[in-house]
Protein backbone atom coordinates (compact mmCIF):
# COMPACT_ATOMS: atom_id res chain seq x y z
CA MET A 1 99.34 -21.82 -35.23
CA ASP A 2 96.29 -23.57 -37.37
CA SER A 3 98.34 -26.73 -37.67
CA LEU A 4 98.99 -26.79 -33.97
CA LEU A 5 95.46 -26.62 -33.18
CA LEU A 6 94.72 -29.26 -35.77
CA ARG A 7 97.12 -31.84 -34.23
CA PRO A 8 95.79 -34.29 -31.67
CA PHE A 9 96.58 -33.24 -28.15
CA SER A 10 99.69 -35.05 -26.69
CA LEU A 11 102.39 -34.00 -23.45
CA PRO A 12 105.02 -32.67 -25.17
CA PRO A 13 108.05 -32.04 -23.25
CA ARG A 14 108.31 -28.24 -24.30
CA LEU A 15 105.37 -26.22 -23.99
CA CYS A 16 105.20 -23.80 -26.36
CA CYS A 17 102.79 -20.53 -25.46
CA PHE A 18 102.11 -17.16 -26.60
CA SER A 19 103.78 -14.68 -23.95
CA SER A 20 102.07 -11.44 -22.91
CA ARG A 21 103.93 -9.90 -26.10
CA ARG A 22 101.53 -11.04 -28.94
CA GLY A 23 103.02 -13.22 -31.97
CA CYS A 24 106.09 -14.06 -29.75
CA CYS A 25 106.28 -18.07 -28.85
CA VAL A 26 108.49 -18.81 -25.59
CA PRO A 27 109.39 -22.31 -24.91
CA THR A 28 109.26 -23.20 -21.28
CA GLN A 29 110.45 -26.44 -19.13
CA TYR A 30 107.75 -25.96 -16.77
CA SER A 31 104.98 -28.62 -16.25
CA ILE A 32 101.62 -28.40 -16.97
CA ASN A 33 100.44 -27.57 -13.87
CA GLN A 34 103.11 -24.99 -13.61
CA ALA A 35 102.41 -23.55 -16.66
CA CYS A 36 98.72 -22.42 -15.72
CA VAL A 37 99.52 -20.10 -13.14
CA THR A 38 102.15 -18.38 -15.21
CA THR A 39 101.51 -15.37 -16.69
CA LEU A 40 101.89 -17.05 -20.16
CA ARG A 41 98.36 -17.20 -22.57
CA CYS A 42 97.40 -19.52 -25.31
CA ARG A 43 94.75 -19.25 -28.03
CA VAL A 44 92.30 -21.99 -28.36
CA GLY A 45 89.68 -21.92 -30.90
CA ARG A 46 87.70 -18.65 -30.48
CA SER A 47 88.50 -18.30 -26.75
CA GLN A 48 91.13 -16.99 -24.82
CA GLY A 49 92.94 -19.24 -22.04
CA CYS A 50 95.70 -21.50 -21.43
CA LEU A 51 96.60 -24.20 -23.72
CA ALA A 52 98.04 -26.32 -20.58
CA ASN A 53 94.04 -25.80 -19.53
CA HIS A 54 93.30 -28.06 -22.56
CA LEU A 55 96.24 -30.62 -21.69
CA LEU A 56 94.49 -30.74 -18.22
CA ARG A 57 90.92 -31.50 -19.86
CA GLN A 58 92.63 -34.63 -21.71
CA THR A 59 94.43 -35.70 -18.62
CA HIS A 60 92.64 -34.74 -15.43
CA GLY A 61 89.37 -34.42 -16.00
CA LYS A 62 86.69 -31.88 -16.04
CA SER A 63 86.87 -30.84 -12.07
CA THR A 64 90.89 -30.11 -12.20
CA TYR A 65 90.16 -28.31 -16.03
CA HIS A 66 87.53 -26.33 -14.28
CA GLY A 67 90.02 -25.43 -11.44
CA ARG A 68 92.92 -24.47 -13.18
CA LEU A 69 90.59 -22.69 -15.37
CA HIS A 70 89.57 -20.56 -12.84
CA GLU A 71 93.03 -20.02 -11.89
CA CYS A 72 94.43 -19.08 -15.44
CA SER A 73 91.34 -16.84 -15.79
CA HIS A 74 92.45 -14.79 -12.42
CA ILE A 75 96.24 -14.54 -13.25
CA ASN A 76 95.29 -13.28 -16.95
CA ALA A 77 92.48 -10.63 -15.21
CA THR A 78 95.90 -9.41 -12.66
CA SER A 79 97.98 -9.19 -15.92
CA GLY A 80 95.63 -6.56 -17.61
CA ASP A 81 94.68 -9.16 -20.39
CA SER A 82 91.02 -10.82 -19.08
CA ILE A 83 88.55 -12.25 -21.45
CA GLU A 84 86.23 -9.53 -20.59
CA SER A 85 86.74 -5.85 -20.19
CA GLU A 86 87.04 -4.76 -16.49
CA PRO A 87 83.60 -3.24 -15.12
CA PRO A 88 83.61 0.45 -15.40
CA LYS A 89 84.26 2.12 -11.96
CA ALA A 90 81.81 2.72 -9.34
CA TYR A 91 80.44 6.38 -9.34
CA ASP A 92 81.72 8.86 -6.66
CA SER A 93 78.67 10.43 -5.36
CA THR A 94 80.89 11.88 -2.85
CA SER A 95 83.15 13.55 -5.13
CA ALA A 96 80.31 15.03 -7.26
CA TRP A 97 78.73 16.69 -4.19
CA LYS A 98 82.09 18.26 -3.38
CA SER A 99 82.50 19.66 -6.65
CA ILE A 100 78.72 21.12 -6.51
CA LEU A 101 79.21 22.54 -3.19
CA SER A 102 82.67 23.84 -4.15
CA SER A 103 80.87 25.45 -7.48
CA LEU A 104 77.84 27.21 -5.34
CA ASN A 105 80.27 28.40 -2.55
CA ALA A 106 82.50 30.24 -5.46
CA PHE A 107 79.35 32.09 -6.71
CA TYR A 108 77.86 32.79 -3.08
CA ARG A 109 81.08 34.55 -2.68
CA PHE A 110 80.95 36.01 -5.79
CA SER A 111 77.57 37.36 -5.56
CA ARG A 112 78.54 39.50 -2.84
CA PRO A 113 75.77 37.90 -0.31
CA HIS A 114 75.50 40.78 2.07
CA THR A 115 74.90 42.89 -0.80
CA ILE A 116 72.19 40.47 -1.76
CA ILE A 117 70.42 40.22 1.54
CA GLY A 118 70.64 44.20 1.82
CA THR A 119 68.76 44.45 -1.89
CA ALA A 120 66.10 41.76 -0.70
CA ILE A 121 65.38 43.34 2.52
CA SER A 122 64.91 47.02 1.25
CA ILE A 123 62.94 45.81 -1.49
CA VAL A 124 60.71 43.66 0.74
CA SER A 125 60.45 46.84 3.26
CA VAL A 126 59.77 49.45 1.05
CA SER A 127 57.08 47.44 -0.80
CA LEU A 128 55.18 47.03 2.76
CA LEU A 129 54.89 50.98 2.58
CA ALA A 130 52.27 50.78 -0.34
CA ILE A 131 49.87 48.22 1.72
CA GLU A 132 46.64 50.23 3.06
CA GLY A 133 44.99 47.27 4.57
CA LEU A 134 45.11 43.50 5.39
CA SER A 135 43.34 43.07 2.18
CA ASP A 136 46.36 44.26 0.29
CA ILE A 137 48.26 41.37 1.61
CA SER A 138 47.38 38.80 -1.25
CA PRO A 139 48.70 36.68 -4.48
CA LEU A 140 48.58 39.59 -6.44
CA PHE A 141 51.09 41.29 -3.54
CA VAL A 142 53.60 38.34 -3.24
CA THR A 143 53.60 38.13 -7.10
CA GLY A 144 54.53 41.30 -7.68
CA LEU A 145 56.97 41.33 -4.84
CA LEU A 146 58.60 38.40 -4.92
CA GLU A 147 58.29 37.21 -8.59
CA GLN A 148 58.72 40.40 -10.33
CA ALA A 149 60.75 43.09 -8.06
CA VAL A 150 62.64 40.89 -5.95
CA VAL A 151 64.04 38.46 -8.62
CA ALA A 152 64.83 41.41 -11.27
CA ALA A 153 66.73 43.13 -8.60
CA LEU A 154 68.95 40.76 -7.81
CA PHE A 155 69.98 39.65 -10.94
CA MET A 156 71.10 43.08 -11.73
CA ASN A 157 72.74 43.11 -8.13
CA VAL A 158 74.65 40.42 -9.27
CA TYR A 159 75.55 42.07 -12.35
CA ILE A 160 76.82 45.09 -10.55
CA VAL A 161 78.94 43.59 -8.34
CA GLY A 162 80.32 40.81 -10.65
CA LEU A 163 81.27 43.48 -12.97
CA ASN A 164 83.44 45.39 -10.30
CA GLN A 165 85.14 42.24 -9.31
CA LEU A 166 85.79 42.11 -13.20
CA PHE A 167 87.56 45.29 -13.29
CA ASP A 168 89.34 44.88 -9.98
CA ILE A 169 90.77 41.76 -10.15
CA GLU A 170 94.29 43.13 -9.44
CA ILE A 171 93.17 45.16 -6.69
CA ASP A 172 91.31 42.04 -5.05
CA LYS A 173 94.26 40.09 -4.82
CA VAL A 174 95.63 42.88 -2.22
CA ASN A 175 92.24 43.61 -0.73
CA LYS A 176 90.16 40.39 -0.88
CA PRO A 177 92.24 37.46 -2.22
CA GLY A 178 89.09 35.09 -1.24
CA LEU A 179 87.21 36.53 -4.21
CA PRO A 180 86.91 33.76 -7.04
CA LEU A 181 88.12 35.83 -9.50
CA ALA A 182 91.10 37.16 -7.34
CA SER A 183 91.77 33.44 -6.38
CA GLY A 184 91.64 32.13 -9.34
CA GLU A 185 88.51 29.89 -9.26
CA TYR A 186 87.17 31.91 -12.22
CA SER A 187 88.53 32.72 -15.22
CA VAL A 188 87.64 36.10 -16.61
CA THR A 189 85.75 34.74 -19.39
CA THR A 190 83.29 32.94 -17.03
CA GLY A 191 82.93 36.39 -14.82
CA ILE A 192 81.85 37.84 -18.15
CA ALA A 193 79.70 35.08 -18.88
CA ILE A 194 78.02 34.99 -15.47
CA VAL A 195 77.88 39.04 -15.33
CA SER A 196 76.48 39.17 -18.94
CA ALA A 197 73.68 36.13 -18.14
CA PHE A 198 72.27 38.01 -15.19
CA ALA A 199 72.20 41.38 -16.65
CA LEU A 200 70.04 39.69 -19.63
CA MET A 201 67.99 37.94 -17.40
CA SER A 202 67.40 41.11 -15.33
CA PHE A 203 66.24 43.24 -18.09
CA GLY A 204 64.23 40.24 -19.47
CA VAL A 205 62.23 40.05 -16.52
CA GLY A 206 61.70 43.70 -16.48
CA TRP A 207 60.81 43.45 -20.21
CA VAL A 208 57.91 40.84 -19.20
CA VAL A 209 56.41 42.03 -16.66
CA GLY A 210 55.91 45.43 -18.15
CA SER A 211 56.43 47.89 -15.21
CA TRP A 212 57.68 50.86 -15.83
CA PRO A 213 59.13 52.05 -12.53
CA LEU A 214 60.68 49.02 -11.98
CA PHE A 215 62.10 48.83 -15.69
CA TRP A 216 63.85 52.14 -15.13
CA ALA A 217 65.08 51.05 -11.83
CA LEU A 218 66.79 48.38 -13.42
CA PHE A 219 68.32 50.64 -16.09
CA ILE A 220 69.39 53.41 -14.10
CA SER A 221 71.09 51.01 -11.82
CA PHE A 222 72.83 49.14 -14.86
CA ILE A 223 74.25 52.51 -16.46
CA LEU A 224 75.48 53.63 -12.54
CA GLY A 225 77.14 50.21 -11.72
CA THR A 226 78.78 50.05 -15.30
CA ALA A 227 79.88 53.41 -14.78
CA TYR A 228 81.00 53.05 -11.48
CA SER A 229 83.15 50.06 -12.21
CA ILE A 230 83.87 50.00 -16.08
CA ASN A 231 87.60 51.05 -16.99
CA ILE A 232 87.17 53.35 -20.33
CA PRO A 233 87.90 56.93 -20.54
CA PHE A 234 85.58 59.50 -18.45
CA LEU A 235 83.97 56.41 -16.00
CA ARG A 236 85.14 53.99 -13.77
CA TRP A 237 83.51 56.70 -11.07
CA LYS A 238 84.86 54.76 -8.36
CA ARG A 239 88.41 56.51 -8.60
CA PHE A 240 86.75 59.99 -7.38
CA ALA A 241 85.12 59.45 -3.91
CA VAL A 242 82.49 62.25 -3.91
CA VAL A 243 81.11 60.61 -7.34
CA ALA A 244 81.73 57.00 -6.29
CA ALA A 245 79.23 57.87 -3.01
CA LEU A 246 77.20 59.95 -5.13
CA CYS A 247 76.19 56.56 -7.41
CA ILE A 248 75.71 54.64 -4.15
CA LEU A 249 73.48 56.66 -2.58
CA ALA A 250 71.42 57.25 -5.90
CA VAL A 251 70.97 53.77 -6.09
CA ARG A 252 70.35 52.48 -2.52
CA ALA A 253 68.74 55.82 -1.06
CA VAL A 254 66.68 56.95 -4.01
CA ILE A 255 65.98 54.55 -6.62
CA VAL A 256 65.11 51.65 -4.06
CA GLN A 257 63.24 53.73 -2.03
CA LEU A 258 60.77 55.30 -4.69
CA ALA A 259 61.04 53.35 -8.14
CA PHE A 260 60.23 50.03 -6.37
CA PHE A 261 57.25 51.64 -4.28
CA LEU A 262 55.95 52.85 -7.12
CA HIS A 263 56.41 49.56 -9.01
CA MET A 264 53.81 48.28 -6.05
CA GLN A 265 51.87 51.23 -5.59
CA THR A 266 50.82 52.27 -9.42
CA PHE A 267 51.69 48.78 -11.56
CA VAL A 268 50.71 46.21 -8.74
CA PHE A 269 47.87 47.80 -6.86
CA ARG A 270 46.88 50.25 -9.55
CA ARG A 271 46.89 53.30 -7.23
CA PRO A 272 48.11 57.02 -8.02
CA ALA A 273 51.71 57.70 -6.92
CA ASN A 274 51.37 59.02 -3.14
CA PHE A 275 54.75 59.55 -1.59
CA SER A 276 53.60 59.23 2.21
CA ARG A 277 55.67 59.97 5.23
CA PRO A 278 56.98 56.99 5.99
CA LEU A 279 58.58 56.82 2.20
CA ILE A 280 60.09 60.25 2.78
CA PHE A 281 61.31 59.42 6.09
CA ALA A 282 62.87 56.13 4.32
CA THR A 283 64.91 58.36 1.34
CA ALA A 284 66.17 60.60 3.67
CA PHE A 285 67.36 57.89 6.23
CA MET A 286 69.16 55.99 3.89
CA SER A 287 70.72 58.50 2.05
CA PHE A 288 72.48 59.08 5.15
CA PHE A 289 73.15 55.35 5.37
CA SER A 290 74.21 55.16 2.06
CA VAL A 291 76.80 57.66 2.52
CA VAL A 292 78.31 55.77 5.37
CA ILE A 293 78.60 52.84 3.23
CA ALA A 294 79.95 54.22 0.55
CA LEU A 295 82.68 55.66 2.93
CA PHE A 296 83.05 52.74 5.16
CA LYS A 297 83.65 50.04 2.26
CA ASP A 298 86.74 51.45 1.67
CA ILE A 299 88.10 51.65 5.17
CA PRO A 300 89.48 48.16 5.21
CA ASP A 301 90.64 48.26 0.92
CA ILE A 302 93.15 51.09 1.79
CA ASP A 303 96.33 49.37 0.87
CA GLY A 304 94.96 48.15 -2.47
CA ASP A 305 93.32 51.28 -3.10
CA ARG A 306 96.48 53.42 -2.54
CA ILE A 307 98.63 50.96 -4.66
CA PHE A 308 96.36 51.44 -7.63
CA GLY A 309 95.46 54.84 -7.40
CA ILE A 310 91.54 54.99 -6.02
CA GLN A 311 91.80 58.33 -4.41
CA SER A 312 88.76 57.29 -1.56
CA PHE A 313 88.35 59.03 1.69
CA SER A 314 90.01 56.68 3.44
CA VAL A 315 93.47 57.08 1.34
CA ARG A 316 93.05 61.02 1.54
CA LEU A 317 92.01 61.41 4.92
CA GLY A 318 93.11 58.37 6.67
CA GLN A 319 91.10 55.28 8.00
CA ARG A 320 90.59 56.84 11.66
CA ARG A 321 89.05 59.99 10.36
CA VAL A 322 86.83 58.53 7.90
CA PHE A 323 85.97 55.77 10.50
CA TRP A 324 84.70 58.25 13.02
CA ILE A 325 82.68 60.58 10.57
CA CYS A 326 80.95 57.32 9.20
CA VAL A 327 79.97 56.70 13.26
CA SER A 328 79.21 60.43 13.72
CA LEU A 329 76.84 60.61 10.78
CA LEU A 330 74.86 57.31 11.51
CA GLU A 331 74.50 58.46 15.42
CA MET A 332 73.07 61.95 13.63
CA ALA A 333 70.60 59.85 11.39
CA TYR A 334 69.36 57.55 14.56
CA SER A 335 68.86 61.23 16.86
CA VAL A 336 66.60 62.41 13.68
CA ALA A 337 64.77 59.03 13.71
CA MET A 338 63.81 58.98 17.43
CA VAL A 339 62.82 62.79 17.03
CA ILE A 340 60.73 61.72 13.84
CA GLY A 341 59.38 58.91 15.82
CA ALA A 342 58.35 61.01 18.93
CA THR A 343 56.04 63.29 17.04
CA SER A 344 54.33 60.16 15.60
CA SER A 345 50.26 60.21 16.15
CA CYS A 346 50.21 56.53 16.72
CA ILE A 347 51.46 55.05 20.19
CA TRP A 348 52.82 51.65 19.13
CA SER A 349 54.65 53.62 16.40
CA LYS A 350 56.48 55.87 18.49
CA LEU A 351 57.34 53.61 21.04
CA VAL A 352 59.00 51.19 18.80
CA THR A 353 60.45 53.90 16.75
CA VAL A 354 62.15 55.49 19.74
CA LEU A 355 63.22 52.49 21.50
CA GLY A 356 64.27 50.61 18.28
CA HIS A 357 66.77 53.67 17.25
CA ALA A 358 67.90 54.04 20.54
CA VAL A 359 69.22 50.63 21.11
CA LEU A 360 70.96 50.60 17.40
CA ALA A 361 72.69 54.04 18.35
CA SER A 362 73.92 52.52 21.87
CA VAL A 363 75.16 49.35 20.16
CA LEU A 364 76.98 51.14 17.44
CA TRP A 365 78.63 53.51 19.88
CA ASN A 366 79.73 50.68 22.19
CA ARG A 367 81.14 48.86 19.38
CA ALA A 368 83.02 51.61 17.73
CA ARG A 369 84.70 52.58 21.10
CA SER A 370 86.48 49.18 21.51
CA LEU A 371 87.36 48.75 17.70
CA ASP A 372 90.78 48.52 16.83
CA LEU A 373 91.67 50.46 13.71
CA MET A 374 95.02 48.78 13.41
CA SER A 375 93.43 45.33 12.92
CA LYS A 376 92.19 44.77 9.07
CA ALA A 377 90.32 41.75 10.30
CA ALA A 378 88.48 44.22 12.95
CA ILE A 379 87.74 46.89 10.40
CA THR A 380 86.24 44.41 7.87
CA SER A 381 84.05 43.01 10.79
CA PHE A 382 82.57 46.22 11.79
CA TYR A 383 81.77 46.97 8.06
CA MET A 384 79.73 43.77 8.08
CA PHE A 385 78.33 45.09 11.86
CA VAL A 386 77.28 48.06 9.44
CA TRP A 387 75.34 46.02 6.88
CA LYS A 388 73.56 44.29 9.76
CA LEU A 389 72.41 47.83 10.98
CA PHE A 390 71.05 48.62 7.38
CA TYR A 391 69.17 45.34 7.71
CA ALA A 392 68.04 46.29 11.06
CA GLU A 393 66.96 49.85 9.72
CA TYR A 394 64.81 48.47 7.01
CA LEU A 395 62.92 46.46 9.58
CA LEU A 396 62.08 49.52 11.25
CA ILE A 397 61.15 51.64 8.48
CA PRO A 398 57.37 50.04 7.71
CA LEU A 399 56.61 50.49 11.65
CA VAL A 400 57.19 54.32 10.86
CA ARG A 401 53.75 56.11 11.20
């Protein structure tokens, strides 16, 4: 090759060029112009191009040379043997956003948003019971409520619902196939990492804040939530209908009401503990509501629970009977709430409490009568409706006087 480069250029009848297979010299009878538009490539000096270009430079001048060089470069680029490497592909922002949104959607479903909303609303509502005047609504109150109580409780909520999904993967493939662990969007390792991280963050917030009512609320919720779901001897209390209902009642009705109220009353406002009439009402009413949620959540899940030996009330008593027990308990609770509201000495509280609970009781009864108990989708929709009633009640509780 070196001897070829040292010779003066001439117009040989046969042109020897390197093919795309390096080191292989292929003869051709094509003319110089034709050789330039083939996929053959030759080395001249320190650059890559066609030997024919240099021959053209000797015979046809610079203008022809540049035109042919452009043509050869184009051919070389299309054959994957260009002088410079191909530029990197443009960053696809649309694909990146889709990936981010998909990840957020999976975590949204993993966190069971109806429980997240319920936890946040209940803590805000109970914290408002500690307010004695407008002067209490201050940055101190907002910090104690949002940055301390709500954040720590939501972290613990994600731990509890996530742990339940980790031990219910096979059941959820029947009852809730859209959940990330059941559908395969999350691996078991991912689920363990998430619940572990959120448990640590919850206790971390509680420890940094230094509020004993808050810390005990988190600790007891952690113990009961773990015992409810984890599948080891003497635990997995969700298998036993009464114990499972008591776990949910203890967290939703007692701990949320009392512990978070005491956090605001004794730690944030530095006042002595005072169990007021609205707080007692909230605890009693939510005891009824927590039992209803504990019973009703198993009605749409009866198929998977029966297959995997979960002895819920729906499995033991049947969907229809448990459904009407839940409706009756709620109607009873609303009736008691209207009586308590009617005995209030505050006129506006009396009107709001009586009328508000009367409306909720009426809406519940009308919807219950029209429900198709043979449709799993209809039952699931009604269960979400019960959670909306749960939210509405927490809007009324601060108005009880």
